[in-house]
PDB file of N, CA and C in Angstrom:
ATOM      1  N   MET A   1     -45.135-116.072  65.361  1.00  0.00           N
ATOM      2  CA  MET A   1     -44.898-114.647  65.423  1.00  0.00           C
ATOM      3  C   MET A   1     -44.577-114.149  64.010  1.00  0.00           C
ATOM      4  N   THR A   2     -45.195-113.047  63.682  1.00  0.00           N
ATOM      5  CA  THR A   2     -44.981-112.502  62.348  1.00  0.00           C
ATOM      6  C   THR A   2     -43.723-111.648  62.341  1.00  0.00           C
ATOM      7  N   GLY A   3     -43.321-111.276  61.206  1.00  0.00           N
ATOM      8  CA  GLY A   3     -42.131-110.440  61.065  1.00  0.00           C
ATOM      9  C   GLY A   3     -42.322-109.069  61.694  1.00  0.00           C
ATOM     10  N   ALA A   4     -43.563-108.560  61.623  1.00  0.00           N
ATOM     11  CA  ALA A   4     -43.845-107.246  62.188  1.00  0.00           C
ATOM     12  C   ALA A   4     -43.761-107.308  63.714  1.00  0.00           C
ATOM     13  N   GLU A   5     -44.280-108.398  64.298  1.00  0.00           N
ATOM     14  CA  GLU A   5     -44.237-108.545  65.752  1.00  0.00           C
ATOM     15  C   GLU A   5     -42.794-108.645  66.237  1.00  0.00           C
ATOM     16  N   LYS A   6     -41.976-109.413  65.485  1.00  0.00           N
ATOM     17  CA  LYS A   6     -40.560-109.526  65.859  1.00  0.00           C
ATOM     18  C   LYS A   6     -39.888-108.149  65.791  1.00  0.00           C
ATOM     19  N   MET A   7     -40.270-107.381  64.776  1.00  0.00           N
ATOM     20  CA  MET A   7     -39.697-106.055  64.604  1.00  0.00           C
ATOM     21  C   MET A   7     -40.079-105.153  65.780  1.00  0.00           C
ATOM     22  N   VAL A   8     -41.337-105.219  66.215  1.00  0.00           N
ATOM     23  CA  VAL A   8     -41.819-104.392  67.312  1.00  0.00           C
ATOM     24  C   VAL A   8     -41.088-104.755  68.596  1.00  0.00           C
ATOM     25  N   GLU A   9     -40.830-106.038  68.801  1.00  0.00           N
ATOM     26  CA  GLU A   9     -40.096-106.461  70.002  1.00  0.00           C
ATOM     27  C   GLU A   9     -38.661-105.959  69.978  1.00  0.00           C
ATOM     28  N   LYS A  10     -38.075-105.885  68.804  1.00  0.00           N
ATOM     29  CA  LYS A  10     -36.693-105.452  68.695  1.00  0.00           C
ATOM     30  C   LYS A  10     -36.547-103.925  68.733  1.00  0.00           C
ATOM     31  N   VAL A  11     -37.587-103.193  68.398  1.00  0.00           N
ATOM     32  CA  VAL A  11     -37.515-101.743  68.331  1.00  0.00           C
ATOM     33  C   VAL A  11     -37.076-101.141  69.668  1.00  0.00           C
ATOM     34  N   PRO A  12     -37.673-101.502  70.807  1.00  0.00           N
ATOM     35  CA  PRO A  12     -37.236-100.882  72.046  1.00  0.00           C
ATOM     36  C   PRO A  12     -35.754-101.087  72.331  1.00  0.00           C
ATOM     37  N   GLY A  13     -35.230-102.237  72.004  1.00  0.00           N
ATOM     38  CA  GLY A  13     -33.811-102.474  72.239  1.00  0.00           C
ATOM     39  C   GLY A  13     -32.924-101.576  71.420  1.00  0.00           C
ATOM     40  N   TRP A  14     -33.180-101.498  70.121  1.00  0.00           N
ATOM     41  CA  TRP A  14     -32.307-100.665  69.298  1.00  0.00           C
ATOM     42  C   TRP A  14     -32.566 -99.185  69.534  1.00  0.00           C
ATOM     43  N   VAL A  15     -33.813 -98.801  69.904  1.00  0.00           N
ATOM     44  CA  VAL A  15     -34.083 -97.407  70.244  1.00  0.00           C
ATOM     45  C   VAL A  15     -33.284 -97.032  71.485  1.00  0.00           C
ATOM     46  N   GLU A  16     -33.311 -97.946  72.441  1.00  0.00           N
ATOM     47  CA  GLU A  16     -32.571 -97.700  73.681  1.00  0.00           C
ATOM     48  C   GLU A  16     -31.082 -97.567  73.396  1.00  0.00           C
ATOM     49  N   ARG A  17     -30.542 -98.439  72.579  1.00  0.00           N
ATOM     50  CA  ARG A  17     -29.102 -98.406  72.280  1.00  0.00           C
ATOM     51  C   ARG A  17     -28.704 -97.165  71.480  1.00  0.00           C
ATOM     52  N   LEU A  18     -29.582 -96.690  70.605  1.00  0.00           N
ATOM     53  CA  LEU A  18     -29.232 -95.554  69.754  1.00  0.00           C
ATOM     54  C   LEU A  18     -29.617 -94.200  70.355  1.00  0.00           C
ATOM     55  N   LEU A  19     -30.811 -94.120  70.916  1.00  0.00           N
ATOM     56  CA  LEU A  19     -31.307 -92.823  71.360  1.00  0.00           C
ATOM     57  C   LEU A  19     -30.832 -92.422  72.757  1.00  0.00           C
ATOM     58  N   ILE A  20     -30.779 -93.358  73.684  1.00  0.00           N
ATOM     59  CA  ILE A  20     -30.432 -93.012  75.070  1.00  0.00           C
ATOM     60  C   ILE A  20     -29.031 -92.405  75.155  1.00  0.00           C
ATOM     61  N   PRO A  21     -28.002 -92.963  74.533  1.00  0.00           N
ATOM     62  CA  PRO A  21     -26.694 -92.287  74.626  1.00  0.00           C
ATOM     63  C   PRO A  21     -26.729 -90.872  74.031  1.00  0.00           C
ATOM     64  N   THR A  22     -27.465 -90.695  72.950  1.00  0.00           N
ATOM     65  CA  THR A  22     -27.566 -89.379  72.335  1.00  0.00           C
ATOM     66  C   THR A  22     -28.308 -88.421  73.257  1.00  0.00           C
ATOM     67  N   LEU A  23     -29.427 -88.879  73.803  1.00  0.00           N
ATOM     68  CA  LEU A  23     -30.184 -88.045  74.729  1.00  0.00           C
ATOM     69  C   LEU A  23     -29.370 -87.734  75.980  1.00  0.00           C
ATOM     70  N   GLU A  24     -28.698 -88.749  76.488  1.00  0.00           N
ATOM     71  CA  GLU A  24     -27.887 -88.557  77.694  1.00  0.00           C
ATOM     72  C   GLU A  24     -26.787 -87.533  77.431  1.00  0.00           C
ATOM     73  N   SER A  25     -26.153 -87.644  76.294  1.00  0.00           N
ATOM     74  CA  SER A  25     -25.096 -86.708  75.935  1.00  0.00           C
ATOM     75  C   SER A  25     -25.654 -85.289  75.818  1.00  0.00           C
ATOM     76  N   ARG A  26     -26.806 -85.153  75.193  1.00  0.00           N
ATOM     77  CA  ARG A  26     -27.418 -83.822  75.024  1.00  0.00           C
ATOM     78  C   ARG A  26     -27.850 -83.245  76.378  1.00  0.00           C
ATOM     79  N   VAL A  27     -28.450 -84.106  77.222  1.00  0.00           N
ATOM     80  CA  VAL A  27     -28.872 -83.653  78.545  1.00  0.00           C
ATOM     81  C   VAL A  27     -27.659 -83.198  79.349  1.00  0.00           C
ATOM     82  N   ARG A  28     -26.584 -83.963  79.290  1.00  0.00           N
ATOM     83  CA  ARG A  28     -25.359 -83.571  80.001  1.00  0.00           C
ATOM     84  C   ARG A  28     -24.849 -82.219  79.501  1.00  0.00           C
ATOM     85  N   ALA A  29     -24.874 -82.016  78.193  1.00  0.00           N
ATOM     86  CA  ALA A  29     -24.398 -80.755  77.620  1.00  0.00           C
ATOM     87  C   ALA A  29     -25.268 -79.591  78.089  1.00  0.00           C
ATOM     88  N   VAL A  30     -26.579 -79.782  78.097  1.00  0.00           N
ATOM     89  CA  VAL A  30     -27.494 -78.723  78.530  1.00  0.00           C
ATOM     90  C   VAL A  30     -27.277 -78.412  80.006  1.00  0.00           C
ATOM     91  N   VAL A  31     -27.168 -79.464  80.815  1.00  0.00           N
ATOM     92  CA  VAL A  31     -26.953 -79.265  82.254  1.00  0.00           C
ATOM     93  C   VAL A  31     -25.621 -78.563  82.497  1.00  0.00           C
ATOM     94  N   LYS A  32     -24.582 -78.993  81.787  1.00  0.00           N
ATOM     95  CA  LYS A  32     -23.264 -78.374  81.935  1.00  0.00           C
ATOM     96  C   LYS A  32     -23.316 -76.891  81.555  1.00  0.00           C
ATOM     97  N   GLU A  33     -24.021 -76.590  80.482  1.00  0.00           N
ATOM     98  CA  GLU A  33     -24.163 -75.204  80.038  1.00  0.00           C
ATOM     99  C   GLU A  33     -24.911 -74.371  81.079  1.00  0.00           C
ATOM    100  N   GLU A  34     -25.999 -74.905  81.600  1.00  0.00           N
ATOM    101  CA  GLU A  34     -26.785 -74.189  82.608  1.00  0.00           C
ATOM    102  C   GLU A  34     -25.990 -73.999  83.900  1.00  0.00           C
ATOM    103  N   VAL A  35     -25.292 -75.044  84.318  1.00  0.00           N
ATOM    104  CA  VAL A  35     -24.478 -74.943  85.532  1.00  0.00           C
ATOM    105  C   VAL A  35     -23.371 -73.907  85.328  1.00  0.00           C
ATOM    106  N   GLY A  36     -22.765 -73.900  84.149  1.00  0.00           N
ATOM    107  CA  GLY A  36     -21.737 -72.902  83.845  1.00  0.00           C
ATOM    108  C   GLY A  36     -22.298 -71.500  83.907  1.00  0.00           C
ATOM    109  N   HIS A  37     -23.500 -71.322  83.368  1.00  0.00           N
ATOM    110  CA  HIS A  37     -24.147 -70.001  83.404  1.00  0.00           C
ATOM    111  C   HIS A  37     -24.442 -69.603  84.847  1.00  0.00           C
ATOM    112  N   LEU A  38     -24.977 -70.533  85.618  1.00  0.00           N
ATOM    113  CA  LEU A  38     -25.260 -70.237  87.028  1.00  0.00           C
ATOM    114  C   LEU A  38     -23.978 -69.921  87.791  1.00  0.00           C
ATOM    115  N   GLU A  39     -22.920 -70.650  87.484  1.00  0.00           N
ATOM    116  CA  GLU A  39     -21.637 -70.413  88.156  1.00  0.00           C
ATOM    117  C   GLU A  39     -21.119 -69.009  87.842  1.00  0.00           C
ATOM    118  N   LYS A  40     -21.232 -68.601  86.589  1.00  0.00           N
ATOM    119  CA  LYS A  40     -20.796 -67.247  86.209  1.00  0.00           C
ATOM    120  C   LYS A  40     -21.632 -66.191  86.922  1.00  0.00           C
ATOM    121  N   THR A  41     -22.941 -66.419  86.977  1.00  0.00           N
ATOM    122  CA  THR A  41     -23.833 -65.473  87.648  1.00  0.00           C
ATOM    123  C   THR A  41     -23.494 -65.380  89.130  1.00  0.00           C
ATOM    124  N   MET A  42     -23.304 -66.536  89.771  1.00  0.00           N
ATOM    125  CA  MET A  42     -22.974 -66.553  91.196  1.00  0.00           C
ATOM    126  C   MET A  42     -21.626 -65.883  91.445  1.00  0.00           C
ATOM    127  N   ASN A  43     -20.648 -66.167  90.600  1.00  0.00           N
ATOM    128  CA  ASN A  43     -19.332 -65.542  90.777  1.00  0.00           C
ATOM    129  C   ASN A  43     -19.414 -64.027  90.629  1.00  0.00           C
ATOM    130  N   ALA A  44     -20.219 -63.564  89.692  1.00  0.00           N
ATOM    131  CA  ALA A  44     -20.390 -62.117  89.520  1.00  0.00           C
ATOM    132  C   ALA A  44     -21.025 -61.509  90.770  1.00  0.00           C
ATOM    133  N   LYS A  45     -22.013 -62.198  91.319  1.00  0.00           N
ATOM    134  CA  LYS A  45     -22.653 -61.685  92.533  1.00  0.00           C
ATOM    135  C   LYS A  45     -21.702 -61.730  93.714  1.00  0.00           C
ATOM    136  N   PHE A  46     -20.927 -62.794  93.830  1.00  0.00           N
ATOM    137  CA  PHE A  46     -19.936 -62.871  94.913  1.00  0.00           C
ATOM    138  C   PHE A  46     -18.901 -61.757  94.764  1.00  0.00           C
ATOM    139  N   ASP A  47     -18.484 -61.491  93.543  1.00  0.00           N
ATOM    140  CA  ASP A  47     -17.525 -60.403  93.320  1.00  0.00           C
ATOM    141  C   ASP A  47     -18.122 -59.061  93.741  1.00  0.00           C
ATOM    142  N   ALA A  48     -19.393 -58.853  93.431  1.00  0.00           N
ATOM    143  CA  ALA A  48     -20.058 -57.603  93.818  1.00  0.00           C
ATOM    144  C   ALA A  48     -20.144 -57.499  95.338  1.00  0.00           C
ATOM    145  N   VAL A  49     -20.483 -58.609  95.988  1.00  0.00           N
ATOM    146  CA  VAL A  49     -20.567 -58.604  97.455  1.00  0.00           C
ATOM    147  C   VAL A  49     -19.186 -58.356  98.050  1.00  0.00           C
ATOM    148  N   ASN A  50     -18.160 -59.005  97.512  1.00  0.00           N
ATOM    149  CA  ASN A  50     -16.795 -58.803  98.006  1.00  0.00           C
ATOM    150  C   ASN A  50     -16.370 -57.342  97.839  1.00  0.00           C
ATOM    151  N   THR A  51     -16.742 -56.735  96.729  1.00  0.00           N
ATOM    152  CA  THR A  51     -16.407 -55.322  96.510  1.00  0.00           C
ATOM    153  C   THR A  51     -17.083 -54.450  97.563  1.00  0.00           C
ATOM    154  N   ARG A  52     -18.346 -54.746  97.853  1.00  0.00           N
ATOM    155  CA  ARG A  52     -19.058 -53.968  98.870  1.00  0.00           C
ATOM    156  C   ARG A  52     -18.434 -54.175 100.249  1.00  0.00           C
ATOM    157  N   ILE A  53     -18.068 -55.406 100.558  1.00  0.00           N
ATOM    158  CA  ILE A  53     -17.439 -55.691 101.858  1.00  0.00           C
ATOM    159  C   ILE A  53     -16.116 -54.953 101.957  1.00  0.00           C
ATOM    160  N   ASP A  54     -15.330 -54.978 100.886  1.00  0.00           N
ATOM    161  CA  ASP A  54     -14.053 -54.257 100.878  1.00  0.00           C
ATOM    162  C   ASP A  54     -14.277 -52.761 101.119  1.00  0.00           C
ATOM    163  N   SER A  55     -15.320 -52.214 100.510  1.00  0.00           N
ATOM    164  CA  SER A  55     -15.635 -50.800 100.687  1.00  0.00           C
ATOM    165  C   SER A  55     -16.000 -50.499 102.137  1.00  0.00           C
ATOM    166  N   VAL A  56     -16.822 -51.353 102.722  1.00  0.00           N
ATOM    167  CA  VAL A  56     -17.221 -51.159 104.125  1.00  0.00           C
ATOM    168  C   VAL A  56     -16.001 -51.287 105.037  1.00  0.00           C
ATOM    169  N   GLU A  57     -15.142 -52.273 104.767  1.00  0.00           N
ATOM    170  CA  GLU A  57     -13.927 -52.439 105.577  1.00  0.00           C
ATOM    171  C   GLU A  57     -13.055 -51.188 105.493  1.00  0.00           C
ATOM    172  N   LYS A  58     -12.903 -50.653 104.291  1.00  0.00           N
ATOM    173  CA  LYS A  58     -12.063 -49.463 104.127  1.00  0.00           C
ATOM    174  C   LYS A  58     -12.630 -48.291 104.925  1.00  0.00           C
ATOM    175  N   ARG A  59     -13.950 -48.112 104.853  1.00  0.00           N
ATOM    176  CA  ARG A  59     -14.563 -47.018 105.623  1.00  0.00           C
ATOM    177  C   ARG A  59     -14.387 -47.238 107.119  1.00  0.00           C
ATOM    178  N   MET A  60     -14.526 -48.484 107.564  1.00  0.00           N
ATOM    179  CA  MET A  60     -14.343 -48.769 108.991  1.00  0.00           C
ATOM    180  C   MET A  60     -12.908 -48.469 109.412  1.00  0.00           C
ATOM    181  N   TYR A  61     -11.933 -48.927 108.621  1.00  0.00           N
ATOM    182  CA  TYR A  61     -10.534 -48.677 108.967  1.00  0.00           C
ATOM    183  C   TYR A  61     -10.220 -47.188 108.941  1.00  0.00           C
ATOM    184  N   ASP A  62     -10.802 -46.456 107.984  1.00  0.00           N
ATOM    185  CA  ASP A  62     -10.603 -45.005 107.944  1.00  0.00           C
ATOM    186  C   ASP A  62     -11.150 -44.352 109.212  1.00  0.00           C
ATOM    187  N   ARG A  63     -12.324 -44.806 109.638  1.00  0.00           N
ATOM    188  CA  ARG A  63     -12.916 -44.241 110.859  1.00  0.00           C
ATOM    189  C   ARG A  63     -12.102 -44.622 112.084  1.00  0.00           C
ATOM    190  N   PHE A  64     -11.628 -45.866 112.133  1.00  0.00           N
ATOM    191  CA  PHE A  64     -10.773 -46.273 113.252  1.00  0.00           C
ATOM    192  C   PHE A  64      -9.513 -45.424 113.299  1.00  0.00           C
ATOM    193  N   ASP A  65      -8.943 -45.161 112.125  1.00  0.00           N
ATOM    194  CA  ASP A  65      -7.747 -44.317 112.076  1.00  0.00           C
ATOM    195  C   ASP A  65      -8.057 -42.908 112.573  1.00  0.00           C
ATOM    196  N   ALA A  66      -9.235 -42.379 112.209  1.00  0.00           N
ATOM    197  CA  ALA A  66      -9.625 -41.037 112.668  1.00  0.00           C
ATOM    198  C   ALA A  66      -9.804 -41.030 114.184  1.00  0.00           C
ATOM    199  N   VAL A  67     -10.421 -42.070 114.719  1.00  0.00           N
ATOM    200  CA  VAL A  67     -10.604 -42.155 116.176  1.00  0.00           C
ATOM    201  C   VAL A  67      -9.248 -42.280 116.867  1.00  0.00           C
ATOM    202  N   ASP A  68      -8.356 -43.088 116.294  1.00  0.00           N
ATOM    203  CA  ASP A  68      -7.012 -43.219 116.864  1.00  0.00           C
ATOM    204  C   ASP A  68      -6.304 -41.860 116.887  1.00  0.00           C
ATOM    205  N   ALA A  69      -6.452 -41.101 115.817  1.00  0.00           N
ATOM    206  CA  ALA A  69      -5.824 -39.779 115.759  1.00  0.00           C
ATOM    207  C   ALA A  69      -6.398 -38.869 116.849  1.00  0.00           C
ATOM    208  N   ARG A  70      -7.702 -38.965 117.062  1.00  0.00           N
ATOM    209  CA  ARG A  70      -8.311 -38.143 118.119  1.00  0.00           C
ATOM    210  C   ARG A  70      -7.795 -38.561 119.489  1.00  0.00           C
ATOM    211  N   PHE A  71      -7.692 -39.855 119.717  1.00  0.00           N
ATOM    212  CA  PHE A  71      -7.157 -40.328 121.000  1.00  0.00           C
ATOM    213  C   PHE A  71      -5.716 -39.881 121.185  1.00  0.00           C
ATOM    214  N   ASP A  72      -4.939 -39.896 120.098  1.00  0.00           N
ATOM    215  CA  ASP A  72      -3.561 -39.413 120.193  1.00  0.00           C
ATOM    216  C   ASP A  72      -3.542 -37.944 120.605  1.00  0.00           C
ATOM    217  N   GLY A  73      -4.464 -37.156 120.044  1.00  0.00           N
ATOM    218  CA  GLY A  73      -4.553 -35.743 120.417  1.00  0.00           C
ATOM    219  C   GLY A  73      -4.934 -35.570 121.878  1.00  0.00           C
ATOM    220  N   VAL A  74      -5.896 -36.360 122.334  1.00  0.00           N
ATOM    221  CA  VAL A  74      -6.316 -36.289 123.743  1.00  0.00           C
ATOM    222  C   VAL A  74      -5.164 -36.723 124.647  1.00  0.00           C
ATOM    223  N   ASP A  75      -4.462 -37.782 124.271  1.00  0.00           N
ATOM    224  CA  ASP A  75      -3.311 -38.237 125.062  1.00  0.00           C
ATOM    225  C   ASP A  75      -2.260 -37.141 125.163  1.00  0.00           C
ATOM    226  N   ALA A  76      -2.001 -36.461 124.052  1.00  0.00           N
ATOM    227  CA  ALA A  76      -1.003 -35.390 124.066  1.00  0.00           C
ATOM    228  C   ALA A  76      -1.435 -34.260 125.000  1.00  0.00           C
ATOM    229  N   ARG A  77      -2.717 -33.926 124.985  1.00  0.00           N
ATOM    230  CA  ARG A  77      -3.212 -32.866 125.873  1.00  0.00           C
ATOM    231  C   ARG A  77      -3.106 -33.282 127.329  1.00  0.00           C
ATOM    232  N   ILE A  78      -3.460 -34.535 127.613  1.00  0.00           N
ATOM    233  CA  ILE A  78      -3.371 -35.023 128.992  1.00  0.00           C
ATOM    234  C   ILE A  78      -1.919 -35.000 129.467  1.00  0.00           C
ATOM    235  N   GLU A  79      -0.991 -35.443 128.618  1.00  0.00           N
ATOM    236  CA  GLU A  79       0.428 -35.417 128.986  1.00  0.00           C
ATOM    237  C   GLU A  79       0.883 -33.987 129.241  1.00  0.00           C
ATOM    238  N   SER A  80       0.421 -33.063 128.422  1.00  0.00           N
ATOM    239  CA  SER A  80       0.784 -31.660 128.607  1.00  0.00           C
ATOM    240  C   SER A  80       0.259 -31.144 129.947  1.00  0.00           C
ATOM    241  N   LEU A  81      -0.982 -31.499 130.254  1.00  0.00           N
ATOM    242  CA  LEU A  81      -1.560 -31.079 131.540  1.00  0.00           C
ATOM    243  C   LEU A  81      -0.820 -31.721 132.709  1.00  0.00           C
ATOM    244  N   GLU A  82      -0.460 -32.980 132.561  1.00  0.00           N
ATOM    245  CA  GLU A  82       0.275 -33.665 133.630  1.00  0.00           C
ATOM    246  C   GLU A  82       1.614 -32.986 133.884  1.00  0.00           C
ATOM    247  N   LYS A  83       2.236 -32.500 132.824  1.00  0.00           N
ATOM    248  CA  LYS A  83       3.506 -31.788 132.994  1.00  0.00           C
ATOM    249  C   LYS A  83       3.296 -30.437 133.660  1.00  0.00           C
ATOM    250  N   GLN A  84       2.141 -29.832 133.442  1.00  0.00           N
ATOM    251  CA  GLN A  84       1.859 -28.506 134.009  1.00  0.00           C
ATOM    252  C   GLN A  84       1.442 -28.587 135.478  1.00  0.00           C
ATOM    253  N   ILE A  85       0.918 -29.713 135.913  1.00  0.00           N
ATOM    254  CA  ILE A  85       0.447 -29.840 137.303  1.00  0.00           C
ATOM    255  C   ILE A  85       1.550 -29.550 138.315  1.00  0.00           C
ATOM    256  N   PRO A  86       2.751 -30.119 138.183  1.00  0.00           N
ATOM    257  CA  PRO A  86       3.800 -29.776 139.158  1.00  0.00           C
ATOM    258  C   PRO A  86       4.150 -28.288 139.138  1.00  0.00           C
ATOM    259  N   MET A  87       4.160 -27.694 137.942  1.00  0.00           N
ATOM    260  CA  MET A  87       4.449 -26.253 137.874  1.00  0.00           C
ATOM    261  C   MET A  87       3.353 -25.448 138.565  1.00  0.00           C
ATOM    262  N   ILE A  88       2.107 -25.833 138.384  1.00  0.00           N
ATOM    263  CA  ILE A  88       1.007 -25.126 139.035  1.00  0.00           C
ATOM    264  C   ILE A  88       1.118 -25.275 140.553  1.00  0.00           C
ATOM    265  N   GLN A  89       1.488 -26.468 141.006  1.00  0.00           N
ATOM    266  CA  GLN A  89       1.678 -26.671 142.448  1.00  0.00           C
ATOM    267  C   GLN A  89       2.823 -25.812 142.962  1.00  0.00           C
ATOM    268  N   ASP A  90       3.908 -25.744 142.195  1.00  0.00           N
ATOM    269  CA  ASP A  90       5.043 -24.907 142.584  1.00  0.00           C
ATOM    270  C   ASP A  90       4.626 -23.434 142.653  1.00  0.00           C
ATOM    271  N   ILE A  91       3.857 -22.985 141.682  1.00  0.00           N
ATOM    272  CA  ILE A  91       3.389 -21.592 141.673  1.00  0.00           C
ATOM    273  C   ILE A  91       2.485 -21.333 142.877  1.00  0.00           C
ATOM    274  N   ALA A  92       1.610 -22.288 143.174  1.00  0.00           N
ATOM    275  CA  ALA A  92       0.730 -22.134 144.342  1.00  0.00           C
ATOM    276  C   ALA A  92       1.556 -22.062 145.619  1.00  0.00           C
ATOM    277  N   ASP A  93       2.602 -22.912 145.725  1.00  0.00           N
ATOM    278  CA  ASP A  93       3.493 -22.866 146.897  1.00  0.00           C
ATOM    279  C   ASP A  93       4.204 -21.517 146.978  1.00  0.00           C
ATOM    280  N   LEU A  94       4.700 -21.046 145.833  1.00  0.00           N
ATOM    281  CA  LEU A  94       5.388 -19.756 145.813  1.00  0.00           C
ATOM    282  C   LEU A  94       4.455 -18.619 146.222  1.00  0.00           C
ATOM    283  N   LYS A  95       3.214 -18.652 145.769  1.00  0.00           N
ATOM    284  CA  LYS A  95       2.240 -17.619 146.144  1.00  0.00           C
ATOM    285  C   LYS A  95       1.975 -17.657 147.644  1.00  0.00           C
ATOM    286  N   ALA A  96       1.859 -18.883 148.171  1.00  0.00           N
ATOM    287  CA  ALA A  96       1.623 -19.010 149.616  1.00  0.00           C
ATOM    288  C   ALA A  96       2.819 -18.476 150.385  1.00  0.00           C
ATOM    289  N   ARG A  97       4.033 -18.794 149.978  1.00  0.00           N
ATOM    290  CA  ARG A  97       5.248 -18.295 150.643  1.00  0.00           C
ATOM    291  C   ARG A  97       5.347 -16.780 150.516  1.00  0.00           C
ATOM    292  N   LEU A  98       5.023 -16.290 149.308  1.00  0.00           N
ATOM    293  CA  LEU A  98       5.069 -14.845 149.079  1.00  0.00           C
ATOM    294  C   LEU A  98       4.064 -14.131 149.985  1.00  0.00           C
ATOM    295  N   ALA A  99       2.908 -14.737 150.150  1.00  0.00           N
ATOM    296  CA  ALA A  99       1.898 -14.137 151.033  1.00  0.00           C
ATOM    297  C   ALA A  99       2.420 -14.088 152.458  1.00  0.00           C
ATOM    298  N   VAL A 100       3.121 -15.148 152.892  1.00  0.00           N
ATOM    299  CA  VAL A 100       3.697 -15.177 154.246  1.00  0.00           C
ATOM    300  C   VAL A 100       4.763 -14.108 154.368  1.00  0.00           C
ATOM    301  N   VAL A 101       5.609 -14.011 153.361  1.00  0.00           N
ATOM    302  CA  VAL A 101       6.678 -13.012 153.385  1.00  0.00           C
ATOM    303  C   VAL A 101       6.079 -11.615 153.389  1.00  0.00           C
ATOM    304  N   GLU A 102       5.079 -11.377 152.590  1.00  0.00           N
ATOM    305  CA  GLU A 102       4.442 -10.050 152.535  1.00  0.00           C
ATOM    306  C   GLU A 102       3.806  -9.702 153.892  1.00  0.00           C
ATOM    307  N   LYS A 103       3.213 -10.692 154.578  1.00  0.00           N
ATOM    308  CA  LYS A 103       2.637 -10.446 155.890  1.00  0.00           C
ATOM    309  C   LYS A 103       3.720 -10.059 156.882  1.00  0.00           C
ATOM    310  N   ARG A 104       4.854 -10.743 156.816  1.00  0.00           N
ATOM    311  CA  ARG A 104       5.958 -10.453 157.752  1.00  0.00           C
ATOM    312  C   ARG A 104       6.530  -9.067 157.514  1.00  0.00           C
ATOM    313  N   THR A 105       6.673  -8.720 156.250  1.00  0.00           N
ATOM    314  CA  THR A 105       7.298  -7.434 155.947  1.00  0.00           C
ATOM    315  C   THR A 105       6.327  -6.272 156.133  1.00  0.00           C
ATOM    316  N   SER A 106       5.080  -6.508 155.995  1.00  0.00           N
ATOM    317  CA  SER A 106       4.129  -5.416 156.125  1.00  0.00           C
ATOM    318  C   SER A 106       3.601  -5.302 157.568  1.00  0.00           C
ATOM    319  N   GLY A 107       3.767  -6.258 158.332  1.00  0.00           N
ATOM    320  CA  GLY A 107       3.158  -6.282 159.645  1.00  0.00           C
ATOM    321  C   GLY A 107       4.023  -6.178 160.761  1.00  0.00           C
TER     322      GLY A 107
END
């Protein structure tokens, strides 16, 4: 074997020992950088989605509060009417009695 042949056989070994760690380190750095960029992009999009969800939730709660207020108003009206029903019945009874009394006195 000549000196050149021995050199060629040894080249892959020393290339592997010298270049692969450097390449591996560079590849890791590039991947880490890209993953970091993707993570920032995804976080920004998640933040935007969360902001939109918060906005929708606020509008829903505002509408629920408005509906609750309307129901409170309806409840108050119903309670008022319920209180008036006995008075209306009493007035109807009084009118009926008055009609009887008027018949007796006029007839």
